[in-house]
Amino acid sequence: MSEQQVVVPIGISVNGEDHEFTEPLTVAGLLEVLNLPTKGIAVAVNGAVFPRARWDELVVRGWEIEILTAVQGG
């Protein structure tokens, strides 16, 4: 008899758009899956800057993530 594993989706918001993932995902992996750039951007989680040094951490259910790009202007 084998145990059935229950997969609980990880629901997050990225730039105001809801996403659900069934596999654990790091912040860097999230950028890759969503085809977002990894250079010239900043990541904020729940309104606070999320440093690049922490991008190898797993995304947590319920996070509100903002991906911000640098824009030149005057």
N, C-alpha and C. Protein backbone atom coordinates (compact mmCIF):
# COMPACT_ATOMS: atom_id res chain seq x y z
N MET A 1 0.85 -1.16 0.00
CA MET A 1 0.00 0.00 0.00
C MET A 1 0.90 1.23 0.00
N SER A 2 0.66 2.16 -0.91
CA SER A 2 1.49 3.36 -0.97
C SER A 2 0.72 4.55 -0.41
N GLU A 3 1.48 5.47 0.20
CA GLU A 3 0.86 6.68 0.72
C GLU A 3 0.65 7.65 -0.42
N GLN A 4 -0.47 8.32 -0.40
CA GLN A 4 -0.74 9.32 -1.41
C GLN A 4 -0.28 10.67 -0.87
N GLN A 5 0.56 11.34 -1.64
CA GLN A 5 1.07 12.63 -1.22
C GLN A 5 0.11 13.72 -1.68
N VAL A 6 -0.25 14.58 -0.75
CA VAL A 6 -1.14 15.69 -1.07
C VAL A 6 -0.28 16.89 -1.45
N VAL A 7 -0.54 17.44 -2.62
CA VAL A 7 0.20 18.61 -3.08
C VAL A 7 -0.65 19.84 -2.79
N VAL A 8 -0.08 20.74 -1.99
CA VAL A 8 -0.78 21.97 -1.64
C VAL A 8 -0.17 23.09 -2.47
N PRO A 9 -0.97 23.76 -3.29
CA PRO A 9 -0.42 24.84 -4.12
C PRO A 9 0.12 25.98 -3.27
N ILE A 10 1.15 26.63 -3.80
CA ILE A 10 1.71 27.81 -3.18
C ILE A 10 1.13 29.00 -3.93
N GLY A 11 0.26 29.74 -3.29
CA GLY A 11 -0.36 30.89 -3.92
C GLY A 11 0.39 32.16 -3.56
N ILE A 12 0.80 32.91 -4.57
CA ILE A 12 1.49 34.18 -4.36
C ILE A 12 0.95 35.20 -5.35
N SER A 13 1.31 36.45 -5.12
CA SER A 13 0.96 37.52 -6.03
C SER A 13 2.25 38.14 -6.55
N VAL A 14 2.36 38.29 -7.87
CA VAL A 14 3.52 38.93 -8.49
C VAL A 14 3.02 40.11 -9.30
N ASN A 15 3.45 41.30 -8.90
CA ASN A 15 3.01 42.54 -9.56
C ASN A 15 1.50 42.60 -9.70
N GLY A 16 0.81 42.17 -8.64
CA GLY A 16 -0.65 42.24 -8.60
C GLY A 16 -1.37 41.09 -9.28
N GLU A 17 -0.63 40.16 -9.88
CA GLU A 17 -1.23 39.03 -10.57
C GLU A 17 -1.05 37.77 -9.73
N ASP A 18 -2.14 37.04 -9.48
CA ASP A 18 -2.08 35.82 -8.68
C ASP A 18 -1.49 34.66 -9.46
N HIS A 19 -0.65 33.88 -8.79
CA HIS A 19 -0.04 32.68 -9.37
C HIS A 19 -0.10 31.56 -8.34
N GLU A 20 -0.22 30.33 -8.83
CA GLU A 20 -0.15 29.15 -7.97
C GLU A 20 0.87 28.19 -8.54
N PHE A 21 1.71 27.66 -7.66
CA PHE A 21 2.73 26.70 -8.04
C PHE A 21 2.60 25.48 -7.15
N THR A 22 2.83 24.30 -7.73
CA THR A 22 2.71 23.07 -6.95
C THR A 22 4.06 22.54 -6.50
N GLU A 23 5.14 23.11 -7.02
CA GLU A 23 6.49 22.69 -6.62
C GLU A 23 7.16 23.83 -5.86
N PRO A 24 8.02 23.51 -4.89
CA PRO A 24 8.78 24.55 -4.21
C PRO A 24 9.59 25.36 -5.22
N LEU A 25 9.69 26.65 -4.98
CA LEU A 25 10.31 27.55 -5.94
C LEU A 25 11.07 28.63 -5.19
N THR A 26 12.30 28.90 -5.61
CA THR A 26 13.05 30.01 -5.03
C THR A 26 12.65 31.30 -5.74
N VAL A 27 13.06 32.42 -5.19
CA VAL A 27 12.78 33.70 -5.84
C VAL A 27 13.45 33.73 -7.21
N ALA A 28 14.71 33.28 -7.29
CA ALA A 28 15.41 33.23 -8.59
C ALA A 28 14.68 32.31 -9.56
N GLY A 29 14.19 31.17 -9.08
CA GLY A 29 13.44 30.24 -9.91
C GLY A 29 12.13 30.84 -10.38
N LEU A 30 11.49 31.62 -9.52
CA LEU A 30 10.26 32.29 -9.89
C LEU A 30 10.49 33.25 -11.06
N LEU A 31 11.56 34.02 -10.99
CA LEU A 31 11.89 34.94 -12.07
C LEU A 31 12.07 34.18 -13.38
N GLU A 32 12.74 33.04 -13.29
CA GLU A 32 12.98 32.22 -14.48
C GLU A 32 11.67 31.67 -15.05
N VAL A 33 10.83 31.11 -14.18
CA VAL A 33 9.56 30.52 -14.62
C VAL A 33 8.67 31.58 -15.28
N LEU A 34 8.70 32.80 -14.76
CA LEU A 34 7.86 33.87 -15.29
C LEU A 34 8.55 34.65 -16.41
N ASN A 35 9.73 34.18 -16.84
CA ASN A 35 10.50 34.83 -17.91
C ASN A 35 10.77 36.30 -17.62
N LEU A 36 11.13 36.58 -16.38
CA LEU A 36 11.46 37.94 -15.97
C LEU A 36 12.97 38.10 -15.91
N PRO A 37 13.48 39.30 -16.16
CA PRO A 37 14.93 39.51 -16.12
C PRO A 37 15.46 39.35 -14.70
N THR A 38 16.74 39.06 -14.59
CA THR A 38 17.38 38.97 -13.27
C THR A 38 18.35 40.12 -13.04
N LYS A 39 18.57 40.93 -14.06
CA LYS A 39 19.47 42.08 -13.92
C LYS A 39 18.67 43.36 -14.13
N GLY A 40 19.10 44.40 -13.44
CA GLY A 40 18.43 45.69 -13.58
C GLY A 40 17.07 45.74 -12.90
N ILE A 41 16.86 44.85 -11.94
CA ILE A 41 15.57 44.82 -11.22
C ILE A 41 15.81 44.82 -9.72
N ALA A 42 14.75 45.11 -9.01
CA ALA A 42 14.72 44.95 -7.55
C ALA A 42 13.48 44.13 -7.23
N VAL A 43 13.58 43.35 -6.18
CA VAL A 43 12.45 42.52 -5.74
C VAL A 43 12.01 43.01 -4.37
N ALA A 44 10.72 43.19 -4.20
CA ALA A 44 10.15 43.53 -2.90
C ALA A 44 9.16 42.43 -2.52
N VAL A 45 9.19 42.05 -1.26
CA VAL A 45 8.25 41.05 -0.74
C VAL A 45 7.47 41.69 0.39
N ASN A 46 6.15 41.69 0.24
CA ASN A 46 5.26 42.30 1.23
C ASN A 46 5.69 43.72 1.58
N GLY A 47 6.11 44.47 0.56
CA GLY A 47 6.44 45.88 0.73
C GLY A 47 7.85 46.19 1.18
N ALA A 48 8.68 45.17 1.39
CA ALA A 48 10.06 45.39 1.84
C ALA A 48 11.03 44.85 0.79
N VAL A 49 12.13 45.56 0.61
CA VAL A 49 13.15 45.12 -0.34
C VAL A 49 13.64 43.73 0.04
N PHE A 50 13.75 42.86 -0.95
CA PHE A 50 14.23 41.49 -0.75
C PHE A 50 15.58 41.39 -1.45
N PRO A 51 16.68 41.44 -0.69
CA PRO A 51 18.01 41.52 -1.30
C PRO A 51 18.36 40.32 -2.18
N ARG A 52 19.13 40.59 -3.21
CA ARG A 52 19.57 39.55 -4.14
C ARG A 52 20.25 38.39 -3.40
N ALA A 53 20.91 38.66 -2.31
CA ALA A 53 21.58 37.61 -1.53
C ALA A 53 20.59 36.58 -0.99
N ARG A 54 19.31 36.91 -0.98
CA ARG A 54 18.29 35.99 -0.45
C ARG A 54 17.46 35.33 -1.55
N TRP A 55 17.81 35.57 -2.81
CA TRP A 55 17.00 35.04 -3.91
C TRP A 55 17.02 33.51 -4.00
N ASP A 56 17.91 32.86 -3.25
CA ASP A 56 17.92 31.39 -3.26
C ASP A 56 16.98 30.81 -2.20
N GLU A 57 16.25 31.66 -1.50
CA GLU A 57 15.28 31.21 -0.50
C GLU A 57 13.97 30.82 -1.19
N LEU A 58 13.26 29.88 -0.59
CA LEU A 58 11.99 29.44 -1.15
C LEU A 58 10.90 30.49 -0.97
N VAL A 59 10.08 30.62 -1.98
CA VAL A 59 8.92 31.50 -1.94
C VAL A 59 7.92 30.91 -0.94
N VAL A 60 7.28 31.76 -0.17
CA VAL A 60 6.35 31.33 0.87
C VAL A 60 4.93 31.70 0.44
N ARG A 61 4.01 30.77 0.68
CA ARG A 61 2.60 31.00 0.35
C ARG A 61 2.13 32.34 0.91
N GLY A 62 1.40 33.08 0.09
CA GLY A 62 0.81 34.33 0.53
C GLY A 62 1.68 35.56 0.29
N TRP A 63 2.93 35.35 -0.15
CA TRP A 63 3.78 36.51 -0.42
C TRP A 63 3.18 37.39 -1.49
N GLU A 64 3.35 38.69 -1.32
CA GLU A 64 3.03 39.66 -2.36
C GLU A 64 4.37 40.19 -2.87
N ILE A 65 4.70 39.82 -4.08
CA ILE A 65 6.00 40.14 -4.65
C ILE A 65 5.84 41.21 -5.72
N GLU A 66 6.70 42.20 -5.66
CA GLU A 66 6.76 43.23 -6.69
C GLU A 66 8.13 43.17 -7.35
N ILE A 67 8.13 43.15 -8.65
CA ILE A 67 9.37 43.18 -9.44
C ILE A 67 9.47 44.59 -10.01
N LEU A 68 10.50 45.31 -9.64
CA LEU A 68 10.66 46.69 -10.05
C LEU A 68 11.87 46.81 -10.99
N THR A 69 11.68 47.54 -12.07
CA THR A 69 12.78 47.74 -13.01
C THR A 69 13.25 49.18 -12.95
N ALA A 70 14.55 49.36 -13.14
CA ALA A 70 15.12 50.71 -13.19
C ALA A 70 14.74 51.37 -14.51
N VAL A 71 14.33 52.61 -14.43
CA VAL A 71 13.92 53.36 -15.61
C VAL A 71 14.68 54.68 -15.63
N GLN A 72 15.26 54.97 -16.79
CA GLN A 72 15.93 56.27 -16.90
C GLN A 72 14.90 57.32 -17.26
N GLY A 73 15.13 58.49 -16.78
CA GLY A 73 14.19 59.56 -17.10
C GLY A 73 14.77 60.90 -16.69
N GLY A 74 14.00 61.90 -16.90
CA GLY A 74 14.51 63.21 -16.55
C GLY A 74 13.41 64.16 -16.23
